[in-house]
Each structure stands twice: as C-alpha cells, then as structure tokens.
Amino acid sequence: MAEKDCKQDEKRYKERVMAIKDAIELLGGKWKFCILFNLYDSGTMRFKDLQKNSVGITPKVLSNELQELEENLMITRTVNNTKPVTVSYKLTEHAKEVEPVINALINFGLKHRDKIQGK
C-alpha cells in the first residue's frame, strides 16, 4: 500500500474514533437515551411527564440532561403560556437520526437479557 493511502486510512480511522467519542459524550450517561426514547415514543412532553416516565431520575438531573440535549441541538424547549407555566420538550430533526441507534440498543438489550436469563 502506498504511503499516501496509509496516511489517508490513518486519518479516516482517527476521524471515526473521534466520531465515536463525540457520540458517546453527547449521548452518554444513565438518562439521555431514556429521555430520547420517551420523546420518540410520545412526541412533545412536559417536564413532569418526562420525570414520571424516567423512573428514578431527580428533577435536578433531568433538568441538567435536558439542558445538555438542548445545547447539542437534540431537543427544543418551549415555555407554554399556561397557569401555572409549564415547559415542554420535543425532538429536533437532528435527534431523529439517533432513533435507529436506540432501536438497535433495545433489540440488543432484549436479546442479552434473554441470554443471561437462559431463555
């Protein structure tokens, strides 16, 4: 293989490793996939509904996770003109690209759980 090809392959490899790191940093943690899954499943959701559906998450952690997802253009936050004021969240078009990843994780998780339980 020519030296130029090796350098291009190495550059492509490094770009792919950085892409994996970026994706894990963006989606990593205990709650982001759960939040995104809830929004895929239900569409627009209010803060309290997201908290209810994400069993075990504290309001502070949910707020931080939502803020990070919003900063990374994965969700939009809308303050509703209601009494009392409510806030709702919705996926962006960009976030919809993650849906196949979530579905793949669900399928793997179900198969893995069956394997571990001896089914």
Protein backbone atom coordinates (compact mmCIF):
# COMPACT_ATOMS: atom_id res chain seq x y z
CA MET A 1 0.00 0.00 0.00
CA ALA A 2 1.32 3.44 -0.87
CA GLU A 3 2.36 5.77 1.95
CA LYS A 4 -0.34 8.26 0.90
CA ASP A 5 -3.03 5.55 1.26
CA CYS A 6 -1.76 4.63 4.73
CA LYS A 7 -1.92 8.24 5.85
CA GLN A 8 -5.45 8.61 4.45
CA ASP A 9 -6.51 5.39 6.16
CA GLU A 10 -4.96 6.57 9.42
CA LYS A 11 -6.70 9.94 9.10
CA ARG A 12 -10.04 8.22 8.39
CA TYR A 13 -9.51 5.89 11.35
CA LYS A 14 -8.81 8.82 13.69
CA GLU A 15 -11.87 10.67 12.41
CA ARG A 16 -14.03 7.61 13.09
CA VAL A 17 -12.61 7.22 16.61
CA MET A 18 -13.32 10.90 17.30
CA ALA A 19 -16.86 10.45 15.94
CA ILE A 20 -17.44 7.58 18.37
CA LYS A 21 -16.09 9.67 21.25
CA ASP A 22 -18.31 12.61 20.27
CA ALA A 23 -21.41 10.42 20.07
CA ILE A 24 -20.70 8.76 23.42
CA GLU A 25 -20.06 12.12 25.06
CA LEU A 26 -23.30 13.51 23.63
CA LEU A 27 -25.47 10.51 24.47
CA GLY A 28 -23.58 9.05 27.40
CA GLY A 29 -24.85 8.78 30.90
CA LYS A 30 -27.66 6.97 32.57
CA TRP A 31 -30.58 9.08 31.36
CA LYS A 32 -30.12 10.59 27.89
CA PHE A 33 -31.24 7.50 25.98
CA CYS A 34 -34.22 7.16 28.30
CA ILE A 35 -35.21 10.79 27.72
CA LEU A 36 -34.82 10.49 23.95
CA PHE A 37 -36.75 7.21 23.91
CA ASN A 38 -39.62 8.85 25.81
CA LEU A 39 -39.69 11.73 23.34
CA TYR A 40 -39.59 9.35 20.33
CA ASP A 41 -42.45 7.40 21.86
CA SER A 42 -44.63 10.30 22.99
CA GLY A 43 -43.62 13.28 20.89
CA THR A 44 -43.79 16.51 22.89
CA MET A 45 -43.63 16.01 26.65
CA ARG A 46 -43.78 18.25 29.67
CA PHE A 47 -41.02 18.20 32.28
CA LYS A 48 -43.19 16.41 34.87
CA ASP A 49 -44.21 13.74 32.36
CA LEU A 50 -40.58 13.11 31.43
CA GLN A 51 -39.71 12.82 35.11
CA LYS A 52 -42.59 10.42 35.71
CA ASN A 53 -41.61 8.22 32.74
CA SER A 54 -37.91 8.23 33.70
CA VAL A 55 -38.37 6.34 36.96
CA GLY A 56 -35.68 7.24 39.46
CA ILE A 57 -34.40 10.47 37.92
CA THR A 58 -34.28 13.53 40.16
CA PRO A 59 -35.61 16.88 38.92
CA LYS A 60 -32.10 18.37 39.08
CA VAL A 61 -30.55 15.58 37.00
CA LEU A 62 -33.42 15.71 34.48
CA SER A 63 -33.01 19.45 34.16
CA ASN A 64 -29.25 19.10 33.56
CA GLU A 65 -29.71 16.32 30.99
CA LEU A 66 -32.38 18.31 29.14
CA GLN A 67 -30.15 21.37 29.12
CA GLU A 68 -27.27 19.36 27.62
CA LEU A 69 -29.55 17.84 24.98
CA GLU A 70 -30.86 21.30 24.10
CA GLU A 71 -27.32 22.74 23.87
CA ASN A 72 -26.43 19.92 21.48
CA LEU A 73 -29.46 20.62 19.26
CA MET A 74 -31.18 17.33 20.11
CA ILE A 75 -34.33 18.83 21.65
CA THR A 76 -36.22 22.09 21.70
CA ARG A 77 -37.59 23.63 24.88
CA THR A 78 -40.85 25.57 24.81
CA VAL A 79 -42.23 27.61 27.69
CA ASN A 80 -46.01 27.30 27.48
CA ASN A 81 -48.25 30.24 28.34
CA THR A 82 -50.30 28.32 30.90
CA LYS A 83 -51.15 28.84 34.54
CA PRO A 84 -49.01 27.62 36.12
CA VAL A 85 -46.34 27.98 33.46
CA THR A 86 -45.27 24.63 32.01
CA VAL A 87 -42.28 23.69 29.89
CA SER A 88 -42.40 21.11 27.12
CA TYR A 89 -39.68 19.36 25.15
CA LYS A 90 -39.61 17.98 21.63
CA LEU A 91 -37.03 16.22 19.47
CA THR A 92 -35.32 18.13 16.69
CA GLU A 93 -34.95 16.67 13.21
CA HIS A 94 -31.26 16.16 14.04
CA ALA A 95 -32.18 13.98 17.03
CA LYS A 96 -34.33 11.72 14.89
CA GLU A 97 -31.12 10.33 13.39
CA VAL A 98 -30.46 8.61 16.73
CA GLU A 99 -33.67 6.56 16.59
CA PRO A 100 -32.08 3.58 14.77
CA VAL A 101 -29.33 3.54 17.42
CA ILE A 102 -31.91 3.45 20.20
CA ASN A 103 -33.83 0.68 18.45
CA ALA A 104 -30.62 -1.30 17.99
CA LEU A 105 -29.81 -0.88 21.71
CA ILE A 106 -33.32 -2.01 22.67
CA ASN A 107 -33.06 -5.10 20.46
CA PHE A 108 -29.61 -5.94 21.79
CA GLY A 109 -30.74 -5.38 25.37
CA LEU A 110 -33.74 -7.67 24.96
CA LYS A 111 -31.60 -10.44 23.40
CA HIS A 112 -28.91 -10.01 26.03
CA ARG A 113 -31.42 -10.16 28.88
CA ASP A 114 -32.87 -13.40 27.43
CA LYS A 115 -29.38 -14.89 27.04
CA ILE A 116 -28.38 -14.02 30.61
CA GLN A 117 -31.65 -15.41 31.96
CA GLY A 118 -31.14 -18.60 29.97
CA LYS A 119 -34.17 -18.20 27.71
